[in-house]
Amino acid sequence: MGFFSSLLGNAGAVSPEDLSENYSQLLIDNEQIDIGFKLIRDTLIFTNKRLILVNVQGLTGKKTEYLSVAYKSISRFSIESAGTFDLDAELKIWISSEKEPSIIQTFNKKVNVYDVQKVLAKYTL
C-alpha cells in the first residue's frame, strides 16, 4: 500500500476507509477499494478488480449512476493536463476496440491527473 499511501497527499484523493464507508454495498466478495479520487460531485474508485465511476446526477444529487468497468476491457487511456487558461484536466478511457473514448472524465485542480494515470496504468498494463 506504499504506492497508494503516497497518493493520498493529493487533495483530490480519498482514503479507502472513507470510500468503503460510502460504497461498500457496491463491492463483491474479496473486492477491496485501493484508492479513489473525488471530483466535483463524482468519484472515481479503483478496486482490486475494477474501476467504478460514481456519477451524481441532477440538481439535488439524489440520482446516482454507478458505472463498473473491468480493467481487462480497457484497451487504452489518455490524460490531458490542465493548462494556463484551461483549468480542467481530462481522462479518456477506451473500452475494447471502440474508436471514440467510452469514458471522458474532467478533473478540477484538486486532482492530480498524473496520479490517476499511475493507478490506472498499474491495473491495466
C-alpha atoms as a PDB file:
ATOM      1  CA  MET A   1       0.000   0.000   0.000  1.00  0.00           C
ATOM      2  CA  GLY A   2       3.024   2.334  -0.015  1.00  0.00           C
ATOM      3  CA  PHE A   3       2.288   3.438  -3.570  1.00  0.00           C
ATOM      4  CA  PHE A   4      -1.310   4.302  -2.726  1.00  0.00           C
ATOM      5  CA  SER A   5      -0.377   5.933   0.562  1.00  0.00           C
ATOM      6  CA  SER A   6       1.872   8.374  -1.272  1.00  0.00           C
ATOM      7  CA  LEU A   7      -1.054   9.390  -3.486  1.00  0.00           C
ATOM      8  CA  LEU A   8      -3.249  10.310  -0.527  1.00  0.00           C
ATOM      9  CA  GLY A   9      -1.362  13.566  -0.068  1.00  0.00           C
ATOM     10  CA  ASN A  10      -3.226  14.851  -3.102  1.00  0.00           C
ATOM     11  CA  ALA A  11      -6.233  16.975  -2.113  1.00  0.00           C
ATOM     12  CA  GLY A  12      -8.462  15.069  -4.561  1.00  0.00           C
ATOM     13  CA  ALA A  13      -7.540  11.614  -3.311  1.00  0.00           C
ATOM     14  CA  VAL A  14      -9.945   9.856  -0.936  1.00  0.00           C
ATOM     15  CA  SER A  15      -8.878   7.214   1.564  1.00  0.00           C
ATOM     16  CA  PRO A  16     -10.075   3.623   1.089  1.00  0.00           C
ATOM     17  CA  GLU A  17     -11.712   3.769   4.531  1.00  0.00           C
ATOM     18  CA  ASP A  18     -13.878   6.745   3.575  1.00  0.00           C
ATOM     19  CA  LEU A  19     -14.823   5.126   0.285  1.00  0.00           C
ATOM     20  CA  SER A  20     -15.665   1.803   1.946  1.00  0.00           C
ATOM     21  CA  GLU A  21     -17.957   3.611   4.366  1.00  0.00           C
ATOM     22  CA  ASN A  22     -19.931   5.141   1.484  1.00  0.00           C
ATOM     23  CA  TYR A  23     -19.731   2.481  -1.246  1.00  0.00           C
ATOM     24  CA  SER A  24     -19.348  -0.917   0.433  1.00  0.00           C
ATOM     25  CA  GLN A  25     -22.735  -2.024  -0.961  1.00  0.00           C
ATOM     26  CA  LEU A  26     -21.201  -1.993  -4.471  1.00  0.00           C
ATOM     27  CA  LEU A  27     -18.427  -4.461  -3.686  1.00  0.00           C
ATOM     28  CA  ILE A  28     -18.446  -8.213  -4.256  1.00  0.00           C
ATOM     29  CA  ASP A  29     -16.751 -10.835  -2.080  1.00  0.00           C
ATOM     30  CA  ASN A  30     -12.955 -10.411  -1.891  1.00  0.00           C
ATOM     31  CA  GLU A  31     -13.116  -6.987  -3.569  1.00  0.00           C
ATOM     32  CA  GLN A  32     -11.230  -4.207  -1.842  1.00  0.00           C
ATOM     33  CA  ILE A  33     -11.057  -0.497  -2.537  1.00  0.00           C
ATOM     34  CA  ASP A  34      -7.480   0.642  -3.065  1.00  0.00           C
ATOM     35  CA  ILE A  35      -7.959   4.358  -3.683  1.00  0.00           C
ATOM     36  CA  GLY A  36     -10.382   6.827  -5.129  1.00  0.00           C
ATOM     37  CA  PHE A  37     -10.459  10.364  -6.419  1.00  0.00           C
ATOM     38  CA  LYS A  38     -13.161  12.869  -5.604  1.00  0.00           C
ATOM     39  CA  LEU A  39     -14.118  15.055  -8.489  1.00  0.00           C
ATOM     40  CA  ILE A  40     -16.570  17.904  -8.109  1.00  0.00           C
ATOM     41  CA  ARG A  41     -19.585  15.716  -7.252  1.00  0.00           C
ATOM     42  CA  ASP A  42     -18.401  12.483  -8.797  1.00  0.00           C
ATOM     43  CA  THR A  43     -15.968   9.847  -7.575  1.00  0.00           C
ATOM     44  CA  LEU A  44     -13.543   7.522  -9.352  1.00  0.00           C
ATOM     45  CA  ILE A  45     -12.924   4.322  -7.338  1.00  0.00           C
ATOM     46  CA  PHE A  46     -10.125   1.839  -8.043  1.00  0.00           C
ATOM     47  CA  THR A  47     -10.684  -1.591  -6.535  1.00  0.00           C
ATOM     48  CA  ASN A  48      -8.539  -4.686  -6.901  1.00  0.00           C
ATOM     49  CA  LYS A  49     -10.991  -5.957  -9.548  1.00  0.00           C
ATOM     50  CA  ARG A  50     -12.466  -2.979 -11.441  1.00  0.00           C
ATOM     51  CA  LEU A  51     -12.904   0.731 -11.892  1.00  0.00           C
ATOM     52  CA  ILE A  52     -16.138   2.229 -10.539  1.00  0.00           C
ATOM     53  CA  LEU A  53     -17.287   5.660 -11.669  1.00  0.00           C
ATOM     54  CA  VAL A  54     -19.865   7.274  -9.421  1.00  0.00           C
ATOM     55  CA  ASN A  55     -21.802   9.955 -11.311  1.00  0.00           C
ATOM     56  CA  VAL A  56     -24.073  12.108  -9.135  1.00  0.00           C
ATOM     57  CA  GLN A  57     -26.849  13.480 -11.332  1.00  0.00           C
ATOM     58  CA  GLY A  58     -29.410  16.243 -11.148  1.00  0.00           C
ATOM     59  CA  LEU A  59     -29.586  19.409  -9.107  1.00  0.00           C
ATOM     60  CA  THR A  60     -30.393  17.651  -5.855  1.00  0.00           C
ATOM     61  CA  GLY A  61     -27.889  14.833  -6.327  1.00  0.00           C
ATOM     62  CA  LYS A  62     -30.409  12.180  -5.310  1.00  0.00           C
ATOM     63  CA  LYS A  63     -29.972  10.238  -8.546  1.00  0.00           C
ATOM     64  CA  THR A  64     -26.651   8.449  -8.952  1.00  0.00           C
ATOM     65  CA  GLU A  65     -25.202   6.285 -11.723  1.00  0.00           C
ATOM     66  CA  TYR A  66     -22.602   3.630 -10.849  1.00  0.00           C
ATOM     67  CA  LEU A  67     -20.562   2.547 -13.866  1.00  0.00           C
ATOM     68  CA  SER A  68     -18.406  -0.530 -13.397  1.00  0.00           C
ATOM     69  CA  VAL A  69     -15.555  -1.218 -15.812  1.00  0.00           C
ATOM     70  CA  ALA A  70     -13.402  -4.357 -15.670  1.00  0.00           C
ATOM     71  CA  TYR A  71      -9.735  -3.459 -16.094  1.00  0.00           C
ATOM     72  CA  LYS A  72      -9.311  -6.129 -18.783  1.00  0.00           C
ATOM     73  CA  SER A  73     -11.847  -4.345 -21.004  1.00  0.00           C
ATOM     74  CA  ILE A  74      -9.861  -1.087 -21.044  1.00  0.00           C
ATOM     75  CA  SER A  75      -7.891  -1.059 -24.276  1.00  0.00           C
ATOM     76  CA  ARG A  76      -6.224   2.341 -23.856  1.00  0.00           C
ATOM     77  CA  PHE A  77      -6.449   5.607 -21.982  1.00  0.00           C
ATOM     78  CA  SER A  78      -5.085   9.123 -22.193  1.00  0.00           C
ATOM     79  CA  ILE A  79      -4.731  12.123 -19.926  1.00  0.00           C
ATOM     80  CA  GLU A  80      -4.694  15.797 -20.770  1.00  0.00           C
ATOM     81  CA  SER A  81      -3.174  18.058 -18.157  1.00  0.00           C
ATOM     82  CA  ALA A  82      -4.659  21.401 -17.177  1.00  0.00           C
ATOM     83  CA  GLY A  83      -3.213  24.432 -18.905  1.00  0.00           C
ATOM     84  CA  THR A  84      -2.818  28.077 -18.026  1.00  0.00           C
ATOM     85  CA  PHE A  85      -6.239  29.120 -19.295  1.00  0.00           C
ATOM     86  CA  ASP A  86      -7.893  25.686 -19.319  1.00  0.00           C
ATOM     87  CA  LEU A  87      -8.159  24.876 -15.612  1.00  0.00           C
ATOM     88  CA  ASP A  88      -9.508  21.348 -16.044  1.00  0.00           C
ATOM     89  CA  ALA A  89      -7.577  18.166 -16.747  1.00  0.00           C
ATOM     90  CA  GLU A  90      -9.156  15.262 -18.604  1.00  0.00           C
ATOM     91  CA  LEU A  91      -9.019  11.469 -18.603  1.00  0.00           C
ATOM     92  CA  LYS A  92     -10.232   9.471 -21.605  1.00  0.00           C
ATOM     93  CA  ILE A  93     -10.774   5.707 -21.482  1.00  0.00           C
ATOM     94  CA  TRP A  94     -11.469   3.457 -24.457  1.00  0.00           C
ATOM     95  CA  ILE A  95     -13.354   0.222 -23.839  1.00  0.00           C
ATOM     96  CA  SER A  96     -12.457  -2.760 -26.050  1.00  0.00           C
ATOM     97  CA  SER A  97     -11.875  -1.629 -29.625  1.00  0.00           C
ATOM     98  CA  GLU A  98     -14.105   1.439 -29.788  1.00  0.00           C
ATOM     99  CA  LYS A  99     -12.887   4.292 -31.979  1.00  0.00           C
ATOM    100  CA  GLU A 100     -14.059   7.055 -29.652  1.00  0.00           C
ATOM    101  CA  PRO A 101     -13.431   7.128 -25.896  1.00  0.00           C
ATOM    102  CA  SER A 102     -16.189   5.437 -23.917  1.00  0.00           C
ATOM    103  CA  ILE A 103     -15.484   7.463 -20.792  1.00  0.00           C
ATOM    104  CA  ILE A 104     -14.392  11.078 -20.591  1.00  0.00           C
ATOM    105  CA  GLN A 105     -13.845  12.426 -17.104  1.00  0.00           C
ATOM    106  CA  THR A 106     -12.929  16.020 -16.282  1.00  0.00           C
ATOM    107  CA  PHE A 107     -10.909  16.838 -13.172  1.00  0.00           C
ATOM    108  CA  ASN A 108     -10.514  20.112 -11.341  1.00  0.00           C
ATOM    109  CA  LYS A 109      -7.174  21.358  -9.976  1.00  0.00           C
ATOM    110  CA  LYS A 110      -7.599  19.371  -6.737  1.00  0.00           C
ATOM    111  CA  VAL A 111      -6.950  16.092  -8.554  1.00  0.00           C
ATOM    112  CA  ASN A 112      -3.505  15.393  -9.934  1.00  0.00           C
ATOM    113  CA  VAL A 113      -4.330  13.684 -13.237  1.00  0.00           C
ATOM    114  CA  TYR A 114      -0.864  12.091 -13.272  1.00  0.00           C
ATOM    115  CA  ASP A 115      -1.717  10.212 -10.061  1.00  0.00           C
ATOM    116  CA  VAL A 116      -4.925   8.941 -11.659  1.00  0.00           C
ATOM    117  CA  GLN A 117      -2.932   7.802 -14.694  1.00  0.00           C
ATOM    118  CA  LYS A 118      -0.438   5.931 -12.484  1.00  0.00           C
ATOM    119  CA  VAL A 119      -3.173   3.984 -10.714  1.00  0.00           C
ATOM    120  CA  LEU A 120      -4.936   3.167 -13.996  1.00  0.00           C
ATOM    121  CA  ALA A 121      -1.655   2.055 -15.559  1.00  0.00           C
ATOM    122  CA  LYS A 122      -0.944  -0.194 -12.565  1.00  0.00           C
ATOM    123  CA  TYR A 123      -4.135  -2.141 -13.168  1.00  0.00           C
ATOM    124  CA  THR A 124      -4.306  -2.180 -16.950  1.00  0.00           C
ATOM    125  CA  LEU A 125      -0.701  -2.753 -18.047  1.00  0.00           C
END
